Protein backbone atom coordinates (compact mmCIF):
# COMPACT_ATOMS: atom_id res chain seq x y z
CA MET A 1 180.98 93.92 83.02
CA SER A 2 184.42 93.33 81.51
CA LEU A 3 185.39 90.70 78.95
CA LEU A 4 186.98 88.52 81.63
CA ASP A 5 183.76 88.64 83.65
CA HIS A 6 181.79 87.49 80.60
CA LEU A 7 184.24 84.64 79.99
CA GLU A 8 184.03 83.62 83.65
CA GLU A 9 180.24 83.58 83.50
CA LEU A 10 180.35 81.57 80.26
CA ARG A 11 182.72 79.05 81.87
CA TRP A 12 180.41 78.50 84.85
CA ARG A 13 177.34 78.12 82.67
CA ILE A 14 179.14 75.56 80.50
CA LEU A 15 180.20 73.68 83.64
CA LEU A 16 176.61 73.67 84.92
CA SER A 17 175.35 72.39 81.58
CA VAL A 18 177.97 69.64 81.42
CA ALA A 19 177.24 68.65 85.02
CA ALA A 20 173.53 68.35 84.25
CA ILE A 21 174.21 66.23 81.16
CA LEU A 22 176.61 63.93 83.01
CA GLY A 23 174.27 63.62 86.01
CA ILE A 24 171.34 62.52 83.86
CA ALA A 25 173.64 60.28 81.79
CA ILE A 26 174.81 58.44 84.93
CA VAL A 27 171.20 57.80 85.94
CA ALA A 28 170.34 56.66 82.40
CA LEU A 29 173.28 54.25 82.46
CA PHE A 30 171.41 52.05 84.97
CA PHE A 31 168.40 51.87 82.61
CA SER A 32 170.37 51.48 79.39
CA ASP A 33 169.14 47.92 78.75
CA ASN A 34 165.50 48.96 78.90
CA ILE A 35 166.24 52.01 76.75
CA LEU A 36 167.94 49.76 74.17
CA LYS A 37 164.85 47.54 73.98
CA PHE A 38 162.71 50.64 73.42
CA LEU A 39 165.02 51.86 70.65
CA LEU A 40 164.89 48.49 68.92
CA LEU A 41 161.07 48.39 68.74
CA PRO A 42 160.89 50.26 65.39
CA SER A 43 163.41 47.80 63.88
CA GLY A 44 160.91 44.95 63.85
CA GLY A 45 162.85 42.52 66.03
CA MET A 46 166.31 43.20 64.59
CA ARG A 47 169.18 41.37 66.30
CA LEU A 48 172.29 43.52 66.59
CA LYS A 49 175.84 42.21 66.26
CA ALA A 50 178.88 43.22 68.29
CA PHE A 51 182.37 42.91 66.77
CA ASN A 52 184.52 44.34 69.54
CA ILE A 53 185.03 43.43 73.18
CA MET A 54 184.40 47.06 74.15
CA ASP A 55 181.12 47.34 72.23
CA GLY A 56 179.04 46.37 75.25
CA PHE A 57 180.34 49.31 77.27
CA MET A 58 180.32 51.74 74.34
CA ILE A 59 176.69 50.93 73.53
CA LYS A 60 175.57 51.73 77.07
CA PHE A 61 177.82 54.81 77.13
CA HIS A 62 176.39 56.20 73.89
CA ILE A 63 172.81 55.53 74.97
CA SER A 64 173.27 57.22 78.34
CA LEU A 65 175.16 60.17 76.80
CA TYR A 66 172.49 60.85 74.16
CA ILE A 67 169.76 60.55 76.79
CA GLY A 68 171.67 62.99 79.00
CA ILE A 69 171.95 65.54 76.19
CA ALA A 70 168.26 65.22 75.29
CA ALA A 71 166.86 65.12 78.83
CA ALA A 72 169.06 68.01 80.00
CA PHE A 73 167.93 70.21 77.12
CA PRO A 74 165.85 72.56 79.33
CA ILE A 75 168.84 73.05 81.66
CA TRP A 76 171.55 73.84 79.13
CA ALA A 77 169.12 75.84 77.00
CA PHE A 78 168.23 77.93 80.07
CA GLN A 79 171.92 78.53 80.76
CA LEU A 80 172.33 79.70 77.18
CA TYR A 81 169.38 82.07 77.49
CA GLN A 82 170.66 83.40 80.80
CA PHE A 83 174.06 84.18 79.31
CA PHE A 84 172.52 86.35 76.57
CA SER A 85 169.75 87.86 78.72
CA PRO A 86 171.80 90.94 79.86
CA ALA A 87 171.93 92.05 76.21
CA LEU A 88 168.13 91.98 75.97
CA LEU A 89 165.65 94.68 76.87
CA LYS A 90 163.34 94.32 79.84
CA HIS A 91 160.30 93.36 77.76
CA GLU A 92 162.45 90.88 75.82
CA ARG A 93 163.63 89.12 79.01
CA ARG A 94 160.02 88.34 79.85
CA LEU A 95 159.89 86.10 76.79
CA ILE A 96 162.79 83.91 77.90
CA LEU A 97 160.84 81.58 80.19
CA PRO A 98 157.89 81.04 77.79
CA ALA A 99 160.36 80.50 74.94
CA LEU A 100 162.26 77.93 77.02
CA VAL A 101 159.08 76.01 77.85
CA PHE A 102 157.89 76.14 74.24
CA SER A 103 161.34 75.08 73.01
CA SER A 104 161.36 72.04 75.32
CA ILE A 105 157.90 71.02 74.12
CA LEU A 106 158.98 71.36 70.49
CA PHE A 107 162.10 69.30 71.14
CA ALA A 108 160.04 66.50 72.71
CA LEU A 109 157.57 66.60 69.82
CA GLY A 110 160.44 66.42 67.34
CA VAL A 111 161.93 63.36 69.05
CA ALA A 112 158.49 61.70 69.15
CA PHE A 113 157.97 62.44 65.46
CA GLY A 114 161.40 61.01 64.63
CA TYR A 115 160.63 57.85 66.60
CA TYR A 116 157.36 57.49 64.66
CA MET A 117 159.22 57.81 61.33
CA LEU A 118 162.03 55.49 62.39
CA GLN A 119 160.20 52.26 61.65
CA GLU A 120 159.51 53.15 58.03
CA ILE A 121 163.02 54.49 57.49
CA ILE A 122 164.68 51.35 58.88
CA LYS A 123 162.41 49.15 56.75
CA VAL A 124 163.23 51.03 53.55
CA LEU A 125 166.97 51.11 54.32
CA LYS A 126 166.99 47.33 54.84
CA ASP A 127 165.19 46.82 51.52
CA LEU A 128 167.92 48.75 49.73
CA PHE A 129 170.41 45.91 50.32
CA PRO A 130 170.76 43.70 47.25
CA SER A 131 170.18 39.98 47.63
CA GLU A 132 173.90 39.31 47.22
CA VAL A 133 174.70 41.23 50.41
CA ASP A 134 174.06 39.92 53.92
CA PHE A 135 173.06 42.66 56.32
CA LEU A 136 174.80 42.32 59.69
CA PRO A 137 173.66 45.29 61.81
CA ALA A 138 176.48 46.42 64.07
CA ALA A 139 175.13 47.41 67.46
CA GLN A 140 177.22 50.53 68.03
CA GLU A 141 176.60 51.99 64.55
CA PHE A 142 172.87 51.25 64.75
CA ILE A 143 172.48 52.94 68.15
CA SER A 144 174.46 55.96 67.00
CA PHE A 145 172.29 56.26 63.88
CA VAL A 146 169.01 56.02 65.83
CA MET A 147 170.03 58.48 68.55
CA PHE A 148 171.48 60.94 66.04
CA PHE A 149 168.32 60.78 63.95
CA LEU A 150 166.07 61.41 66.96
CA LEU A 151 168.18 64.35 68.16
CA THR A 152 168.23 65.81 64.65
CA CYS A 153 164.44 65.70 64.49
CA GLY A 154 164.26 67.37 67.89
CA LEU A 155 166.56 70.17 66.71
CA LEU A 156 164.63 70.60 63.43
CA PHE A 157 161.51 71.30 65.46
CA GLN A 158 163.34 74.31 66.95
CA LEU A 159 162.63 76.17 63.71
CA PRO A 160 160.06 78.56 65.27
CA ILE A 161 162.45 79.43 68.10
CA LEU A 162 165.28 80.17 65.65
CA LEU A 163 163.13 82.31 63.36
CA THR A 164 161.55 84.28 66.20
CA ILE A 165 165.00 85.02 67.64
CA LEU A 166 166.16 86.30 64.24
CA ILE A 167 163.02 88.43 64.02
CA GLN A 168 163.64 89.77 67.51
CA LEU A 169 167.20 90.68 66.49
CA ARG A 170 165.85 92.40 63.33
CA VAL A 171 167.82 90.02 61.11
CA LEU A 172 164.56 88.79 59.55
CA SER A 173 161.07 90.21 59.27
CA THR A 174 157.67 88.60 58.79
CA ASP A 175 157.26 90.43 55.48
CA LEU A 176 160.45 88.79 54.20
CA LEU A 177 159.35 85.35 55.43
CA GLN A 178 156.03 85.74 53.65
CA LYS A 179 157.56 87.00 50.41
CA GLN A 180 160.16 84.19 50.36
CA ARG A 181 157.68 81.46 51.35
CA ARG A 182 158.27 79.44 48.17
CA VAL A 183 162.02 79.50 48.66
CA ALA A 184 161.59 78.47 52.29
CA TYR A 185 159.35 75.55 51.30
CA PHE A 186 161.95 74.39 48.79
CA VAL A 187 164.68 74.52 51.48
CA LEU A 188 162.46 72.60 53.91
CA PHE A 189 161.84 69.95 51.25
CA GLY A 190 165.61 69.64 50.73
CA ILE A 191 166.11 69.18 54.48
CA ALA A 192 163.39 66.54 54.51
CA GLU A 193 165.16 64.72 51.66
CA LEU A 194 168.36 64.60 53.73
CA VAL A 195 166.60 63.42 56.88
CA THR A 196 164.70 60.63 55.10
CA PRO A 197 167.22 58.53 53.12
CA VAL A 198 164.55 56.32 51.55
CA ALA A 199 163.90 55.04 48.04
CA ASP A 200 160.76 57.14 47.64
CA PRO A 201 161.94 60.68 46.82
CA ILE A 202 158.51 62.33 47.08
CA ILE A 203 156.06 60.86 49.59
CA ALA A 204 158.37 60.28 52.56
CA PRO A 205 160.02 63.73 52.36
CA LEU A 206 156.58 65.35 52.08
CA VAL A 207 155.52 63.57 55.28
CA VAL A 208 158.54 65.03 57.09
CA MET A 209 158.10 68.39 55.38
CA GLY A 210 154.50 68.75 56.61
CA PRO A 211 155.32 69.50 60.27
CA LEU A 212 158.20 71.78 59.22
CA VAL A 213 155.86 73.85 57.04
CA MET A 214 153.40 74.11 59.91
CA LEU A 215 156.20 75.27 62.22
CA TYR A 216 157.29 77.81 59.62
CA GLU A 217 153.81 79.32 59.50
CA ILE A 218 153.66 79.35 63.31
CA SER A 219 156.95 81.27 63.25
CA ILE A 220 155.37 83.94 61.04
CA LEU A 221 152.41 84.34 63.39
CA ALA A 222 154.71 84.55 66.43
CA GLY A 223 156.94 87.02 64.57
CA LYS A 224 153.99 89.31 63.84
CA ARG A 225 153.12 89.36 67.51
CA ILE A 226 156.73 90.21 68.40
CA GLU A 227 156.85 93.02 65.84
CA LYS A 228 153.55 94.41 67.12
CA GLN A 229 154.79 94.44 70.72
CA ARG A 230 158.11 95.98 69.66
CA LEU A 231 156.31 98.74 67.72
CA LYS A 232 154.09 99.49 70.71
CA PHE A 233 157.13 99.64 72.98
CA GLU A 234 158.98 102.00 70.62
CA LEU A 235 155.93 104.28 70.34
CA ASP A 236 155.62 104.42 74.12
CA GLU A 237 159.30 105.30 74.44
CA ALA A 238 158.95 107.98 71.77
CA GLU A 239 155.97 109.51 73.58
CA LYS A 240 157.91 109.60 76.83
CA GLN A 241 160.83 111.38 75.18
CA ALA A 242 158.55 113.84 73.36
CA ALA A 243 156.49 114.71 76.48
CA PRO A 244 156.96 118.39 77.50
CA ILE A 245 159.01 118.94 80.61
CA ALA A 246 157.19 120.87 83.28
CA VAL A 247 159.04 124.11 83.90
CA GLN A 248 158.79 125.57 87.33
CA PRO A 249 157.79 129.27 87.17
CA GLU A 250 160.55 131.57 88.19
CA ALA A 251 160.14 133.25 91.52
CA ALA A 252 159.05 136.82 91.15
CA HIS A 253 161.91 139.17 91.73
CA PRO A 254 161.23 141.49 94.68
CA GLN A 255 160.52 144.99 93.52
CA PRO A 256 162.16 147.96 95.22
CA ALA A 257 160.00 149.95 97.58
CA GLY A 258 160.61 153.12 95.54
CA LEU A 259 163.20 155.68 94.51
CA CYS A 260 164.94 158.35 96.52
CA ARG A 261 163.38 161.79 96.15
CA GLN A 262 166.82 163.51 96.15
CA CYS A 263 169.42 161.20 94.52
CA GLY A 264 167.16 158.74 92.71
CA ALA A 265 168.91 155.68 94.21
CA ALA A 266 167.02 152.44 94.83
CA PRO A 267 166.98 151.00 98.35
CA LYS A 268 168.77 147.76 99.22
CA THR A 269 165.68 146.22 100.88
CA THR A 270 162.09 146.05 99.68
CA ASP A 271 160.59 147.33 102.94
CA ALA A 272 162.83 150.44 103.25
CA ARG A 273 161.11 153.80 103.66
CA TYR A 274 164.20 156.04 103.48
CA CYS A 275 167.21 156.18 101.16
CA ASP A 276 170.31 154.33 102.36
CA HIS A 277 172.60 157.08 100.97
CA CYS A 278 171.05 160.43 101.85
CA GLY A 279 168.20 159.48 104.19
CA SER A 280 165.54 161.19 102.08
CA PRO A 281 162.07 159.58 101.95
CA LEU A 282 161.34 157.24 99.04
CA VAL A 283 158.83 158.02 96.34
CA LYS A 284 156.63 154.92 96.25
CA MET A 285 154.64 156.00 93.26
CA GLU A 286 157.77 155.43 91.11
CA VAL A 287 158.14 151.77 92.03
CA PHE A 288 159.27 149.57 89.12
CA ALA A 289 156.51 147.34 87.71
């Protein structure tokens, strides 16, 4: 397949992904009011403020667009996997569908976890305002913050998928992940600090860090299984290449019937009884072994 063919395939897969996102977003647009009420539940009855005539439309547009991106995740993720599948081996392609299902489940769990944490985060962020400042929550900014936070949590829960892909590509190994576990935990704690902008710098990040650490350990277990299967596959291939090739025995060359008594010439055929040159009888006792 040429470069232009790859670009053409990429273009069609992007178009399919965008069409799926827009299709789900259009459907979500009709339920945007109910979705907004659901997103406001963690705020504790917060009343949002609009400061622009276009805010009503933009709020529904942002809600429907984020819902389209999240709900269409299995579709555009499958298109991404399909684009890279020709570069994978046969036993690696078998992992695409289970990985896609597992990735979708992790994304949903990440969004659910983010929604669970949202109430505490909003409460702490509101308490950070000094008494001299009146908090007027703008509707568009609040919706963008909530949806971005939920999508970020969903993507963070893709950690096992990312690590297993890097292990499959031999960029990482389970031995390296185990040796650098302390460094990884420190990085995960830093990510948790960024995701939870709260006054408590210890407890809240540790709550977010807990699931990430569990996903990291799951990645190591999944990586060991991948390495074991890859080693078995390589050993099987090596045995196939090292197997001796059966050599067909060469057909026995026909032996001459004998030699001429007079001139010593060999006959042209194996069943000859007389010499082709002088006509003398052949001496069969001198047949070549």
